[in-house]
Amino acid sequence: MRIFKLVLGLCLICVLSMISYILFNVNKALKYYPIIEQYSQQYNVDPLFITSIIKVESNFNPDAKSKKGAIGLMQIMPPTAKEIAGKYFSVTDFNEQQLYDADFNIKIGVCYVKILSDMFNSNTNLVLASYNAGLGNVQKWQQENPIIEYDSEEMPFKETKNYVSKINRFYNTLKFFVKE
């Protein structure tokens, strides 16, 4: 009986910990969702897809900076942001500090996702692979194997395989729970 109570107690602690973790993450996501929704509507991109990218890229931390130099919620590389900001938003005085601003970061990130989506005919795996591994790498993969659709298992970079798979899992989970 004592072991049963111990197991039951441990299970209860695990469940409460999971609920606390989920609520904490939901709260972080909700903080940025109005911005995500605004730019997703503007660029005709699924806001749940953008939310999934942000979750995996920065875990909703606007101050995140990767070892490679990607910045902010959507982990955008400064040269990419500068190009998009100048070309699509007429920003002439781009400063990488702007990427720490949630609104600016999400606007640039969603625009970039839309650009990639248009390039790859809305193939989300190729969009995500380009976002992670770089457009040049994905274009090279396509030239080498033009008939492959590139689900995450067919991608040459292990990191990109894991990245695409992780975002797809999170995205599918969100779609399941947030049915419109």
Protein backbone atom coordinates (compact mmCIF):
# COMPACT_ATOMS: atom_id res chain seq x y z
CA MET A 1 0.00 0.00 0.00
CA ARG A 2 2.86 2.36 0.83
CA ILE A 3 4.49 1.81 -2.58
CA PHE A 4 1.15 2.43 -4.29
CA LYS A 5 0.80 5.78 -2.48
CA LEU A 6 4.37 6.70 -3.40
CA VAL A 7 3.79 5.88 -7.08
CA LEU A 8 0.48 7.75 -7.03
CA GLY A 9 2.15 10.76 -5.40
CA LEU A 10 4.96 10.77 -7.98
CA CYS A 11 2.43 10.52 -10.81
CA LEU A 12 0.49 13.45 -9.36
CA ILE A 13 3.68 15.53 -9.12
CA CYS A 14 4.52 14.69 -12.75
CA VAL A 15 1.03 15.63 -13.96
CA LEU A 16 1.07 18.91 -12.01
CA SER A 17 4.54 19.69 -13.34
CA MET A 18 3.38 19.05 -16.91
CA ILE A 19 0.31 21.23 -16.45
CA SER A 20 2.43 24.01 -14.98
CA TYR A 21 4.90 23.73 -17.87
CA ILE A 22 2.11 23.81 -20.46
CA LEU A 23 0.41 26.81 -18.87
CA PHE A 24 3.72 28.66 -18.64
CA ASN A 25 4.41 28.06 -22.34
CA VAL A 26 0.86 28.93 -23.36
CA ASN A 27 1.14 32.18 -21.42
CA LYS A 28 4.39 33.04 -23.23
CA ALA A 29 2.82 32.24 -26.60
CA LEU A 30 -0.30 34.29 -25.88
CA LYS A 31 1.82 37.34 -25.10
CA TYR A 32 2.98 37.50 -28.74
CA TYR A 33 -0.04 35.99 -30.46
CA PRO A 34 -1.71 39.32 -31.40
CA ILE A 35 1.48 40.33 -33.27
CA ILE A 36 1.79 36.88 -34.83
CA GLU A 37 -1.83 37.00 -35.93
CA GLN A 38 -1.53 40.53 -37.35
CA TYR A 39 1.41 39.74 -39.62
CA SER A 40 0.19 36.25 -40.45
CA GLN A 41 -3.05 37.73 -41.76
CA GLN A 42 -1.16 40.42 -43.64
CA TYR A 43 1.05 37.85 -45.41
CA ASN A 44 -1.50 35.04 -45.59
CA VAL A 45 0.56 32.64 -43.47
CA ASP A 46 -0.92 30.31 -40.86
CA PRO A 47 -0.37 31.93 -37.43
CA LEU A 48 -0.04 28.49 -35.85
CA PHE A 49 2.83 27.74 -38.23
CA ILE A 50 4.57 30.97 -37.16
CA THR A 51 3.87 30.19 -33.50
CA SER A 52 5.48 26.78 -34.00
CA ILE A 53 8.57 28.34 -35.57
CA ILE A 54 8.91 30.79 -32.69
CA LYS A 55 8.47 28.02 -30.11
CA VAL A 56 11.27 25.97 -31.62
CA GLU A 57 13.54 28.88 -32.55
CA SER A 58 13.50 30.88 -29.30
CA ASN A 59 10.93 29.37 -26.96
CA PHE A 60 9.25 32.81 -27.04
CA ASN A 61 12.34 34.60 -25.73
CA PRO A 62 12.66 37.97 -27.51
CA ASP A 63 16.23 38.34 -26.23
CA ALA A 64 17.44 35.04 -27.66
CA LYS A 65 20.67 35.08 -29.65
CA SER A 66 22.13 31.94 -31.19
CA LYS A 67 25.80 30.99 -31.39
CA LYS A 68 25.60 31.71 -35.12
CA GLY A 69 24.19 35.20 -34.51
CA ALA A 70 20.46 34.74 -35.18
CA ILE A 71 18.44 37.15 -33.06
CA GLY A 72 15.06 37.44 -31.39
CA LEU A 73 11.84 35.48 -31.31
CA MET A 74 12.15 34.15 -34.87
CA GLN A 75 15.96 33.88 -34.72
CA ILE A 76 16.66 35.92 -37.82
CA MET A 77 20.17 36.45 -39.11
CA PRO A 78 20.98 40.19 -39.33
CA PRO A 79 21.98 40.11 -43.05
CA THR A 80 18.67 38.43 -43.92
CA ALA A 81 16.73 40.93 -41.82
CA LYS A 82 18.60 43.87 -43.36
CA GLU A 83 17.79 42.64 -46.88
CA ILE A 84 14.10 42.08 -46.12
CA ALA A 85 13.75 45.32 -44.16
CA GLY A 86 15.27 47.32 -47.01
CA LYS A 87 13.55 45.57 -49.89
CA TYR A 88 10.05 45.14 -48.45
CA PHE A 89 9.78 47.88 -45.82
CA SER A 90 12.09 50.61 -47.18
CA VAL A 91 14.16 50.56 -43.99
CA THR A 92 17.40 52.39 -44.77
CA ASP A 93 18.84 52.57 -41.26
CA PHE A 94 18.62 48.92 -40.20
CA ASN A 95 20.31 48.09 -36.91
CA GLU A 96 20.51 44.52 -35.61
CA GLN A 97 19.21 45.74 -32.23
CA GLN A 98 15.84 46.13 -33.97
CA LEU A 99 15.61 42.34 -34.10
CA TYR A 100 15.13 42.30 -30.32
CA ASP A 101 11.87 44.18 -30.79
CA ALA A 102 9.10 41.56 -30.93
CA ASP A 103 6.96 43.43 -33.46
CA PHE A 104 9.83 44.12 -35.85
CA ASN A 105 11.22 40.59 -35.50
CA ILE A 106 7.90 38.90 -36.16
CA LYS A 107 7.11 41.23 -39.08
CA ILE A 108 10.45 40.43 -40.75
CA GLY A 109 10.18 36.72 -39.91
CA VAL A 110 6.65 36.30 -41.23
CA CYS A 111 7.55 38.20 -44.39
CA TYR A 112 10.55 35.89 -44.86
CA VAL A 113 8.41 32.78 -44.31
CA LYS A 114 5.97 34.10 -46.94
CA ILE A 115 8.83 34.71 -49.40
CA LEU A 116 10.08 31.15 -48.87
CA SER A 117 6.55 29.77 -49.09
CA ASP A 118 6.04 31.46 -52.45
CA MET A 119 9.40 30.16 -53.69
CA PHE A 120 8.63 26.57 -52.69
CA ASN A 121 4.94 26.47 -53.65
CA SER A 122 3.86 26.31 -49.98
CA ASN A 123 5.90 23.14 -49.31
CA THR A 124 6.30 23.68 -45.57
CA ASN A 125 9.17 21.19 -45.27
CA LEU A 126 11.22 23.13 -47.81
CA VAL A 127 10.22 26.44 -46.21
CA LEU A 128 11.40 25.22 -42.82
CA ALA A 129 14.56 23.67 -44.25
CA SER A 130 15.41 26.98 -45.94
CA TYR A 131 14.66 28.90 -42.77
CA ASN A 132 17.03 26.63 -40.86
CA ALA A 133 19.76 25.53 -43.29
CA GLY A 134 19.68 28.48 -45.65
CA LEU A 135 18.03 29.04 -48.99
CA GLY A 136 21.21 28.23 -50.93
CA ASN A 137 21.54 24.80 -49.34
CA VAL A 138 17.94 23.85 -50.08
CA GLN A 139 18.20 25.05 -53.67
CA LYS A 140 21.34 22.93 -54.03
CA TRP A 141 19.51 19.88 -52.63
CA GLN A 142 16.71 20.43 -55.12
CA GLN A 143 19.15 20.67 -58.04
CA GLU A 144 20.82 17.44 -56.99
CA ASN A 145 17.51 15.59 -56.46
CA PRO A 146 14.68 17.50 -58.18
CA ILE A 147 12.06 14.78 -57.84
CA ILE A 148 12.34 14.36 -54.08
CA GLU A 149 9.60 16.16 -52.12
CA TYR A 150 11.89 16.39 -49.08
CA ASP A 151 10.12 15.26 -46.04
CA SER A 152 12.36 15.71 -43.03
CA GLU A 153 13.94 12.26 -43.38
CA GLU A 154 15.29 13.04 -46.86
CA MET A 155 17.20 16.16 -45.84
CA PRO A 156 20.97 15.89 -45.89
CA PHE A 157 21.60 17.85 -42.66
CA LYS A 158 20.75 16.04 -39.42
CA GLU A 159 20.11 19.33 -37.62
CA THR A 160 17.64 20.38 -40.32
CA LYS A 161 15.90 16.99 -40.25
CA ASN A 162 15.38 17.37 -36.50
CA TYR A 163 14.34 21.01 -36.84
CA VAL A 164 11.69 20.33 -39.49
CA SER A 165 10.39 17.30 -37.61
CA LYS A 166 10.16 19.20 -34.31
CA ILE A 167 8.28 22.14 -35.83
CA ASN A 168 5.92 19.84 -37.72
CA ARG A 169 5.13 17.94 -34.51
CA PHE A 170 4.43 21.17 -32.62
CA TYR A 171 2.43 22.62 -35.53
CA ASN A 172 0.28 19.48 -35.87
CA THR A 173 -0.36 19.50 -32.12
CA LEU A 174 -1.45 23.13 -32.24
CA LYS A 175 -3.72 22.46 -35.23
CA PHE A 176 -5.31 19.56 -33.36
CA PHE A 177 -6.13 21.69 -30.31
CA VAL A 178 -6.92 24.95 -32.09
CA LYS A 179 -9.51 23.89 -34.63
CA GLU A 180 -11.10 26.86 -36.37
